PDB file of N, CA and C in Angstrom:
ATOM      1  N   PRO A   1    -163.319  37.984 132.780  1.00  0.00           N
ATOM      2  CA  PRO A   1    -163.216  38.697 131.535  1.00  0.00           C
ATOM      3  C   PRO A   1    -163.804  37.690 130.327  1.00  0.00           C
ATOM      4  N   ILE A   2    -164.303  38.171 129.246  1.00  0.00           N
ATOM      5  CA  ILE A   2    -164.540  37.294 128.159  1.00  0.00           C
ATOM      6  C   ILE A   2    -163.945  37.918 126.980  1.00  0.00           C
ATOM      7  N   GLY A   3    -163.703  37.060 125.807  1.00  0.00           N
ATOM      8  CA  GLY A   3    -162.994  37.529 124.498  1.00  0.00           C
ATOM      9  C   GLY A   3    -164.112  37.817 123.663  1.00  0.00           C
ATOM     10  N   GLY A   4    -163.717  38.397 122.474  1.00  0.00           N
ATOM     11  CA  GLY A   4    -164.341  38.919 121.302  1.00  0.00           C
ATOM     12  C   GLY A   4    -165.531  39.870 121.426  1.00  0.00           C
ATOM     13  N   VAL A   5    -165.303  40.634 122.558  1.00  0.00           N
ATOM     14  CA  VAL A   5    -166.426  41.633 123.037  1.00  0.00           C
ATOM     15  C   VAL A   5    -166.841  42.632 121.771  1.00  0.00           C
ATOM     16  N   LYS A   6    -165.987  42.998 121.023  1.00  0.00           N
ATOM     17  CA  LYS A   6    -166.390  43.880 120.036  1.00  0.00           C
ATOM     18  C   LYS A   6    -167.297  43.158 118.882  1.00  0.00           C
ATOM     19  N   GLU A   7    -166.858  41.948 118.545  1.00  0.00           N
ATOM     20  CA  GLU A   7    -167.599  41.056 117.693  1.00  0.00           C
ATOM     21  C   GLU A   7    -168.936  40.602 118.240  1.00  0.00           C
ATOM     22  N   LYS A   8    -168.872  40.083 119.545  1.00  0.00           N
ATOM     23  CA  LYS A   8    -170.141  40.058 120.205  1.00  0.00           C
ATOM     24  C   LYS A   8    -171.172  41.053 120.171  1.00  0.00           C
ATOM     25  N   LEU A   9    -170.756  42.270 120.605  1.00  0.00           N
ATOM     26  CA  LEU A   9    -171.497  43.225 120.556  1.00  0.00           C
ATOM     27  C   LEU A   9    -172.020  43.835 119.223  1.00  0.00           C
ATOM     28  N   LEU A  10    -171.112  43.862 118.148  1.00  0.00           N
ATOM     29  CA  LEU A  10    -171.626  43.991 116.880  1.00  0.00           C
ATOM     30  C   LEU A  10    -172.734  43.239 116.268  1.00  0.00           C
ATOM     31  N   GLY A  11    -172.622  42.011 116.667  1.00  0.00           N
ATOM     32  CA  GLY A  11    -173.444  40.789 116.362  1.00  0.00           C
ATOM     33  C   GLY A  11    -174.786  41.070 117.138  1.00  0.00           C
ATOM     34  N   ALA A  12    -174.602  41.429 118.355  1.00  0.00           N
ATOM     35  CA  ALA A  12    -175.945  41.649 119.129  1.00  0.00           C
ATOM     36  C   ALA A  12    -176.712  42.968 118.512  1.00  0.00           C
ATOM     37  N   HIS A  13    -176.034  43.926 118.169  1.00  0.00           N
ATOM     38  CA  HIS A  13    -176.521  45.180 117.580  1.00  0.00           C
ATOM     39  C   HIS A  13    -177.121  44.814 116.037  1.00  0.00           C
ATOM     40  N   ARG A  14    -176.615  44.153 115.401  1.00  0.00           N
ATOM     41  CA  ARG A  14    -177.279  43.648 114.172  1.00  0.00           C
ATOM     42  C   ARG A  14    -178.533  42.876 114.354  1.00  0.00           C
ATOM     43  N   ALA A  15    -178.598  42.060 115.555  1.00  0.00           N
ATOM     44  CA  ALA A  15    -179.633  41.231 115.798  1.00  0.00           C
ATOM     45  C   ALA A  15    -180.735  42.118 116.407  1.00  0.00           C
ATOM     46  N   GLY A  16    -180.519  43.316 116.674  1.00  0.00           N
ATOM     47  CA  GLY A  16    -181.494  44.058 117.294  1.00  0.00           C
ATOM     48  C   GLY A  16    -181.392  44.142 119.023  1.00  0.00           C
ATOM     49  N   ILE A  17    -180.619  43.608 119.430  1.00  0.00           N
ATOM     50  CA  ILE A  17    -180.485  43.674 120.985  1.00  0.00           C
ATOM     51  C   ILE A  17    -179.734  44.889 121.184  1.00  0.00           C
ATOM     52  N   ARG A  18    -180.421  45.544 122.384  1.00  0.00           N
ATOM     53  CA  ARG A  18    -180.027  46.931 122.643  1.00  0.00           C
ATOM     54  C   ARG A  18    -179.594  46.952 124.101  1.00  0.00           C
ATOM     55  N   ALA A  19    -179.799  45.857 125.010  1.00  0.00           N
ATOM     56  CA  ALA A  19    -179.315  45.834 126.262  1.00  0.00           C
ATOM     57  C   ALA A  19    -178.262  44.739 126.428  1.00  0.00           C
ATOM     58  N   ILE A  20    -177.160  45.112 126.887  1.00  0.00           N
ATOM     59  CA  ILE A  20    -176.001  44.176 127.281  1.00  0.00           C
ATOM     60  C   ILE A  20    -175.484  44.020 128.763  1.00  0.00           C
ATOM     61  N   ILE A  21    -175.379  42.926 129.086  1.00  0.00           N
ATOM     62  CA  ILE A  21    -174.529  42.775 130.344  1.00  0.00           C
ATOM     63  C   ILE A  21    -173.100  42.190 130.071  1.00  0.00           C
ATOM     64  N   LEU A  22    -172.170  42.984 130.580  1.00  0.00           N
ATOM     65  CA  LEU A  22    -170.869  42.859 130.435  1.00  0.00           C
ATOM     66  C   LEU A  22    -170.037  42.826 131.451  1.00  0.00           C
ATOM     67  N   PRO A  23    -169.163  41.836 131.623  1.00  0.00           N
ATOM     68  CA  PRO A  23    -168.386  41.905 132.908  1.00  0.00           C
ATOM     69  C   PRO A  23    -167.358  43.333 132.977  1.00  0.00           C
ATOM     70  N   ARG A  24    -167.442  43.942 134.188  1.00  0.00           N
ATOM     71  CA  ARG A  24    -166.734  45.061 134.217  1.00  0.00           C
ATOM     72  C   ARG A  24    -165.145  45.075 133.748  1.00  0.00           C
ATOM     73  N   GLU A  25    -164.736  43.777 133.984  1.00  0.00           N
ATOM     74  CA  GLU A  25    -163.028  43.840 133.485  1.00  0.00           C
ATOM     75  C   GLU A  25    -163.200  44.038 132.035  1.00  0.00           C
ATOM     76  N   ASN A  26    -164.034  44.062 131.136  1.00  0.00           N
ATOM     77  CA  ASN A  26    -164.328  44.130 129.765  1.00  0.00           C
ATOM     78  C   ASN A  26    -164.684  45.429 129.512  1.00  0.00           C
ATOM     79  N   GLU A  27    -164.957  46.372 130.429  1.00  0.00           N
ATOM     80  CA  GLU A  27    -165.415  47.628 130.109  1.00  0.00           C
ATOM     81  C   GLU A  27    -164.330  48.415 129.016  1.00  0.00           C
ATOM     82  N   ALA A  28    -163.116  48.334 129.060  1.00  0.00           N
ATOM     83  CA  ALA A  28    -162.380  49.007 128.314  1.00  0.00           C
ATOM     84  C   ALA A  28    -162.454  48.473 126.672  1.00  0.00           C
ATOM     85  N   ASP A  29    -162.816  47.279 126.565  1.00  0.00           N
ATOM     86  CA  ASP A  29    -163.102  46.821 125.191  1.00  0.00           C
ATOM     87  C   ASP A  29    -164.137  47.590 124.279  1.00  0.00           C
ATOM     88  N   LEU A  30    -164.899  48.258 125.168  1.00  0.00           N
ATOM     89  CA  LEU A  30    -166.171  49.209 124.480  1.00  0.00           C
ATOM     90  C   LEU A  30    -165.510  50.439 123.657  1.00  0.00           C
ATOM     91  N   ASP A  31    -164.264  50.750 123.946  1.00  0.00           N
ATOM     92  CA  ASP A  31    -163.588  51.598 123.046  1.00  0.00           C
ATOM     93  C   ASP A  31    -163.439  51.265 121.709  1.00  0.00           C
ATOM     94  N   ASP A  32    -163.280  49.873 121.377  1.00  0.00           N
ATOM     95  CA  ASP A  32    -163.137  49.353 120.183  1.00  0.00           C
ATOM     96  C   ASP A  32    -164.351  49.459 119.327  1.00  0.00           C
ATOM     97  N   LEU A  33    -165.319  49.850 119.726  1.00  0.00           N
ATOM     98  CA  LEU A  33    -166.801  49.823 119.211  1.00  0.00           C
ATOM     99  C   LEU A  33    -167.010  51.232 118.515  1.00  0.00           C
ATOM    100  N   PRO A  34    -167.672  51.283 117.363  1.00  0.00           N
ATOM    101  CA  PRO A  34    -168.097  52.704 116.918  1.00  0.00           C
ATOM    102  C   PRO A  34    -169.154  53.401 117.922  1.00  0.00           C
ATOM    103  N   GLN A  35    -168.761  54.583 117.967  1.00  0.00           N
ATOM    104  CA  GLN A  35    -169.706  55.494 118.896  1.00  0.00           C
ATOM    105  C   GLN A  35    -171.055  55.337 118.519  1.00  0.00           C
ATOM    106  N   ASP A  36    -171.433  55.343 117.171  1.00  0.00           N
ATOM    107  CA  ASP A  36    -172.882  55.397 116.782  1.00  0.00           C
ATOM    108  C   ASP A  36    -173.539  53.892 117.396  1.00  0.00           C
ATOM    109  N   VAL A  37    -172.779  52.851 117.363  1.00  0.00           N
ATOM    110  CA  VAL A  37    -173.220  51.569 118.044  1.00  0.00           C
ATOM    111  C   VAL A  37    -173.452  51.672 119.242  1.00  0.00           C
ATOM    112  N   LEU A  38    -172.591  52.285 120.112  1.00  0.00           N
ATOM    113  CA  LEU A  38    -172.723  52.349 121.370  1.00  0.00           C
ATOM    114  C   LEU A  38    -173.817  53.441 121.947  1.00  0.00           C
ATOM    115  N   ASP A  39    -174.198  54.322 121.018  1.00  0.00           N
ATOM    116  CA  ASP A  39    -174.976  55.256 121.317  1.00  0.00           C
ATOM    117  C   ASP A  39    -176.582  54.585 121.286  1.00  0.00           C
ATOM    118  N   GLN A  40    -176.546  53.361 120.561  1.00  0.00           N
ATOM    119  CA  GLN A  40    -177.869  52.829 120.485  1.00  0.00           C
ATOM    120  C   GLN A  40    -178.019  51.658 121.378  1.00  0.00           C
ATOM    121  N   MET A  41    -176.901  51.331 122.302  1.00  0.00           N
ATOM    122  CA  MET A  41    -176.898  50.402 123.242  1.00  0.00           C
ATOM    123  C   MET A  41    -176.962  50.651 124.754  1.00  0.00           C
ATOM    124  N   GLU A  42    -177.615  49.905 125.482  1.00  0.00           N
ATOM    125  CA  GLU A  42    -177.376  49.992 127.030  1.00  0.00           C
ATOM    126  C   GLU A  42    -176.574  49.075 127.484  1.00  0.00           C
ATOM    127  N   VAL A  43    -175.427  49.439 128.002  1.00  0.00           N
ATOM    128  CA  VAL A  43    -174.338  48.387 128.492  1.00  0.00           C
ATOM    129  C   VAL A  43    -174.497  48.526 129.901  1.00  0.00           C
ATOM    130  N   HIS A  44    -174.460  47.373 130.419  1.00  0.00           N
ATOM    131  CA  HIS A  44    -174.532  47.321 132.053  1.00  0.00           C
ATOM    132  C   HIS A  44    -173.348  46.454 132.318  1.00  0.00           C
ATOM    133  N   PRO A  45    -172.283  47.311 132.843  1.00  0.00           N
ATOM    134  CA  PRO A  45    -171.133  46.507 133.376  1.00  0.00           C
ATOM    135  C   PRO A  45    -171.501  46.037 134.824  1.00  0.00           C
ATOM    136  N   VAL A  46    -170.985  44.661 135.052  1.00  0.00           N
ATOM    137  CA  VAL A  46    -171.187  43.969 136.357  1.00  0.00           C
ATOM    138  C   VAL A  46    -170.136  43.399 136.848  1.00  0.00           C
ATOM    139  N   GLU A  47    -170.012  43.253 138.066  1.00  0.00           N
ATOM    140  CA  GLU A  47    -168.762  42.504 138.805  1.00  0.00           C
ATOM    141  C   GLU A  47    -169.152  41.293 139.286  1.00  0.00           C
ATOM    142  N   SER A  48    -170.495  41.068 139.294  1.00  0.00           N
ATOM    143  CA  SER A  48    -170.774  39.515 139.976  1.00  0.00           C
ATOM    144  C   SER A  48    -171.940  39.106 139.328  1.00  0.00           C
ATOM    145  N   ILE A  49    -172.100  37.591 139.335  1.00  0.00           N
ATOM    146  CA  ILE A  49    -173.205  37.076 138.716  1.00  0.00           C
ATOM    147  C   ILE A  49    -174.498  37.539 139.342  1.00  0.00           C
ATOM    148  N   ASP A  50    -174.691  37.879 140.681  1.00  0.00           N
ATOM    149  CA  ASP A  50    -175.775  38.652 141.397  1.00  0.00           C
ATOM    150  C   ASP A  50    -176.158  39.796 140.617  1.00  0.00           C
ATOM    151  N   GLN A  51    -175.183  40.688 140.204  1.00  0.00           N
ATOM    152  CA  GLN A  51    -175.758  41.924 139.612  1.00  0.00           C
ATOM    153  C   GLN A  51    -176.178  41.513 138.073  1.00  0.00           C
ATOM    154  N   ALA A  52    -175.534  40.542 137.672  1.00  0.00           N
ATOM    155  CA  ALA A  52    -176.127  40.264 136.304  1.00  0.00           C
ATOM    156  C   ALA A  52    -177.441  39.744 136.239  1.00  0.00           C
ATOM    157  N   LEU A  53    -177.659  38.706 137.220  1.00  0.00           N
ATOM    158  CA  LEU A  53    -178.996  38.327 137.409  1.00  0.00           C
ATOM    159  C   LEU A  53    -180.178  39.298 137.637  1.00  0.00           C
ATOM    160  N   SER A  54    -179.840  40.292 138.512  1.00  0.00           N
ATOM    161  CA  SER A  54    -180.562  41.293 139.042  1.00  0.00           C
ATOM    162  C   SER A  54    -181.126  42.056 137.757  1.00  0.00           C
ATOM    163  N   ILE A  55    -180.193  42.206 136.887  1.00  0.00           N
ATOM    164  CA  ILE A  55    -180.489  43.061 135.633  1.00  0.00           C
ATOM    165  C   ILE A  55    -181.292  42.237 134.933  1.00  0.00           C
ATOM    166  N   ALA A  56    -180.784  41.077 134.545  1.00  0.00           N
ATOM    167  CA  ALA A  56    -181.538  40.113 133.643  1.00  0.00           C
ATOM    168  C   ALA A  56    -182.880  39.666 133.858  1.00  0.00           C
ATOM    169  N   LEU A  57    -183.093  39.569 135.046  1.00  0.00           N
ATOM    170  CA  LEU A  57    -184.458  38.978 135.782  1.00  0.00           C
ATOM    171  C   LEU A  57    -185.321  40.243 136.043  1.00  0.00           C
ATOM    172  N   ARG A  58    -184.957  41.436 135.755  1.00  0.00           N
ATOM    173  CA  ARG A  58    -185.700  42.637 135.935  1.00  0.00           C
ATOM    174  C   ARG A  58    -187.091  42.596 135.364  1.00  0.00           C
ATOM    175  N   GLY A  59    -188.259  42.633 136.071  1.00  0.00           N
ATOM    176  CA  GLY A  59    -189.588  42.377 135.616  1.00  0.00           C
ATOM    177  C   GLY A  59    -190.058  41.133 135.774  1.00  0.00           C
ATOM    178  N   ALA A  60    -189.156  40.007 136.185  1.00  0.00           N
ATOM    179  CA  ALA A  60    -189.763  38.876 136.471  1.00  0.00           C
ATOM    180  C   ALA A  60    -190.305  39.027 138.047  1.00  0.00           C
ATOM    181  N   SER A  61    -191.575  38.467 138.047  1.00  0.00           N
ATOM    182  CA  SER A  61    -192.281  38.593 139.413  1.00  0.00           C
ATOM    183  C   SER A  61    -191.884  37.452 140.314  1.00  0.00           C
ATOM    184  N   MET A  62    -191.860  37.770 141.613  1.00  0.00           N
ATOM    185  CA  MET A  62    -191.588  36.710 142.582  1.00  0.00           C
ATOM    186  C   MET A  62    -192.994  36.465 143.341  1.00  0.00           C
ATOM    187  N   SER A  63    -193.140  35.163 143.592  1.00  0.00           N
ATOM    188  CA  SER A  63    -194.363  34.827 144.387  1.00  0.00           C
ATOM    189  C   SER A  63    -194.196  33.547 145.024  1.00  0.00           C
ATOM    190  N   GLU A  64    -194.395  33.731 146.249  1.00  0.00           N
ATOM    191  CA  GLU A  64    -194.119  32.549 147.298  1.00  0.00           C
ATOM    192  C   GLU A  64    -192.763  32.038 147.327  1.00  0.00           C
ATOM    193  N   GLY A  65    -191.883  32.973 146.897  1.00  0.00           N
ATOM    194  CA  GLY A  65    -190.209  32.479 146.745  1.00  0.00           C
ATOM    195  C   GLY A  65    -189.778  31.884 145.504  1.00  0.00           C
ATOM    196  N   ARG A  66    -190.905  31.988 144.451  1.00  0.00           N
ATOM    197  CA  ARG A  66    -190.591  31.490 143.396  1.00  0.00           C
ATOM    198  C   ARG A  66    -190.569  32.390 142.290  1.00  0.00           C
ATOM    199  N   LEU A  67    -189.747  32.357 141.351  1.00  0.00           N
ATOM    200  CA  LEU A  67    -189.700  33.304 140.009  1.00  0.00           C
ATOM    201  C   LEU A  67    -190.777  32.562 139.190  1.00  0.00           C
ATOM    202  N   ARG A  68    -191.449  33.537 138.651  1.00  0.00           N
ATOM    203  CA  ARG A  68    -192.530  33.392 137.643  1.00  0.00           C
ATOM    204  C   ARG A  68    -192.167  34.137 136.290  1.00  0.00           C
ATOM    205  N   PHE A  69    -192.271  33.297 135.215  1.00  0.00           N
ATOM    206  CA  PHE A  69    -191.767  33.823 134.026  1.00  0.00           C
ATOM    207  C   PHE A  69    -192.972  33.948 133.029  1.00  0.00           C
ATOM    208  N   PRO A  70    -193.185  34.824 132.063  1.00  0.00           N
ATOM    209  CA  PRO A  70    -194.283  34.757 131.246  1.00  0.00           C
ATOM    210  C   PRO A  70    -194.323  33.557 130.429  1.00  0.00           C
ATOM    211  N   GLU A  71    -195.488  32.910 130.206  1.00  0.00           N
ATOM    212  CA  GLU A  71    -195.932  31.920 129.365  1.00  0.00           C
ATOM    213  C   GLU A  71    -195.350  32.074 128.018  1.00  0.00           C
ATOM    214  N   LEU A  72    -194.669  31.132 127.527  1.00  0.00           N
ATOM    215  CA  LEU A  72    -194.312  31.181 126.005  1.00  0.00           C
ATOM    216  C   LEU A  72    -195.118  30.182 125.410  1.00  0.00           C
ATOM    217  N   PRO A  73    -195.798  30.291 124.223  1.00  0.00           N
ATOM    218  CA  PRO A  73    -196.414  29.254 123.296  1.00  0.00           C
ATOM    219  C   PRO A  73    -195.412  28.071 123.171  1.00  0.00           C
ATOM    220  N   LEU A  74    -195.940  26.974 123.152  1.00  0.00           N
ATOM    221  CA  LEU A  74    -195.183  25.867 122.749  1.00  0.00           C
ATOM    222  C   LEU A  74    -195.703  25.149 121.400  1.00  0.00           C
ATOM    223  N   THR A  75    -194.925  25.345 120.384  1.00  0.00           N
ATOM    224  CA  THR A  75    -195.326  24.680 119.244  1.00  0.00           C
ATOM    225  C   THR A  75    -194.254  23.848 118.786  1.00  0.00           C
ATOM    226  N   PRO A  76    -194.538  22.677 118.047  1.00  0.00           N
ATOM    227  CA  PRO A  76    -193.592  21.765 117.655  1.00  0.00           C
ATOM    228  C   PRO A  76    -192.931  22.416 116.456  1.00  0.00           C
ATOM    229  N   GLY A  77    -191.414  22.232 116.397  1.00  0.00           N
ATOM    230  CA  GLY A  77    -190.561  22.762 115.519  1.00  0.00           C
ATOM    231  C   GLY A  77    -190.820  21.892 114.299  1.00  0.00           C
ATOM    232  N   ALA A  78    -190.332  22.538 113.051  1.00  0.00           N
ATOM    233  CA  ALA A  78    -190.446  21.598 111.698  1.00  0.00           C
ATOM    234  C   ALA A  78    -189.670  20.282 111.973  1.00  0.00           C
ATOM    235  N   GLY A  79    -190.370  19.297 111.824  1.00  0.00           N
ATOM    236  CA  GLY A  79    -189.670  17.861 111.898  1.00  0.00           C
ATOM    237  C   GLY A  79    -189.199  17.592 113.291  1.00  0.00           C
ATOM    238  N   ALA A  80    -189.887  18.126 114.408  1.00  0.00           N
ATOM    239  CA  ALA A  80    -189.522  17.881 115.714  1.00  0.00           C
ATOM    240  C   ALA A  80    -190.043  16.528 116.213  1.00  0.00           C
ATOM    241  N   ARG A  81    -189.359  15.369 115.933  1.00  0.00           N
ATOM    242  CA  ARG A  81    -189.734  13.997 116.280  1.00  0.00           C
ATOM    243  C   ARG A  81    -188.896  13.601 117.564  1.00  0.00           C
ATOM    244  N   GLY A  82    -189.462  13.064 118.500  1.00  0.00           N
ATOM    245  CA  GLY A  82    -188.905  12.505 119.679  1.00  0.00           C
ATOM    246  C   GLY A  82    -188.563  10.909 119.529  1.00  0.00           C
ATOM    247  N   ALA A  83    -188.254  10.259 120.413  1.00  0.00           N
ATOM    248  CA  ALA A  83    -187.846   8.873 120.445  1.00  0.00           C
ATOM    249  C   ALA A  83    -189.168   8.205 119.984  1.00  0.00           C
ATOM    250  N   GLU A  84    -188.960   7.267 118.987  1.00  0.00           N
ATOM    251  CA  GLU A  84    -190.064   6.385 118.508  1.00  0.00           C
ATOM    252  C   GLU A  84    -191.305   7.308 118.059  1.00  0.00           C
ATOM    253  N   GLY A  85    -191.153   8.331 117.322  1.00  0.00           N
ATOM    254  CA  GLY A  85    -192.092   9.048 116.546  1.00  0.00           C
ATOM    255  C   GLY A  85    -192.790  10.090 117.550  1.00  0.00           C
ATOM    256  N   GLU A  86    -192.542  10.000 118.858  1.00  0.00           N
ATOM    257  CA  GLU A  86    -193.197  11.088 119.548  1.00  0.00           C
ATOM    258  C   GLU A  86    -192.916  12.293 119.207  1.00  0.00           C
ATOM    259  N   VAL A  87    -193.826  13.340 119.181  1.00  0.00           N
ATOM    260  CA  VAL A  87    -193.532  14.801 118.971  1.00  0.00           C
ATOM    261  C   VAL A  87    -193.075  15.425 120.262  1.00  0.00           C
ATOM    262  N   ARG A  88    -192.065  16.281 120.154  1.00  0.00           N
ATOM    263  CA  ARG A  88    -191.792  16.921 121.442  1.00  0.00           C
ATOM    264  C   ARG A  88    -191.835  18.365 121.046  1.00  0.00           C
ATOM    265  N   LEU A  89    -192.301  19.162 122.179  1.00  0.00           N
ATOM    266  CA  LEU A  89    -192.623  20.617 121.994  1.00  0.00           C
ATOM    267  C   LEU A  89    -191.302  21.383 122.451  1.00  0.00           C
ATOM    268  N   HIS A  90    -191.061  22.404 121.727  1.00  0.00           N
ATOM    269  CA  HIS A  90    -190.014  23.184 122.085  1.00  0.00           C
ATOM    270  C   HIS A  90    -190.452  24.625 122.305  1.00  0.00           C
ATOM    271  N   GLY A  91    -189.945  25.385 123.324  1.00  0.00           N
ATOM    272  CA  GLY A  91    -190.576  26.756 123.306  1.00  0.00           C
ATOM    273  C   GLY A  91    -189.928  27.701 122.270  1.00  0.00           C
ATOM    274  N   THR A  92    -190.722  28.535 121.748  1.00  0.00           N
ATOM    275  CA  THR A  92    -190.216  29.431 120.705  1.00  0.00           C
ATOM    276  C   THR A  92    -190.602  30.839 121.073  1.00  0.00           C
ATOM    277  N   ARG A  93    -189.836  31.824 120.717  1.00  0.00           N
ATOM    278  CA  ARG A  93    -190.018  33.130 121.124  1.00  0.00           C
ATOM    279  C   ARG A  93    -190.617  33.919 119.773  1.00  0.00           C
TER     280      ARG A  93
END
């Protein structure tokens, strides 16, 4: 189980996240959330990491036994400097 479920889900809701993976042991904590928030969220209670990964990776394609994820544009962040002045790229969404 995890702590702070109400706060985590309210924060996720404010951030526009609508799909949540939650340990089944925390399912009772959903009673602490306002119904209007729950109505806007898709909560997936899971019992194992395998179940969580299956939900989280839904839509990722498998090719030759390897997961392939969509390409993300790589752009240097503001002031992103590496060792001795090299620029390091960080993935952004």
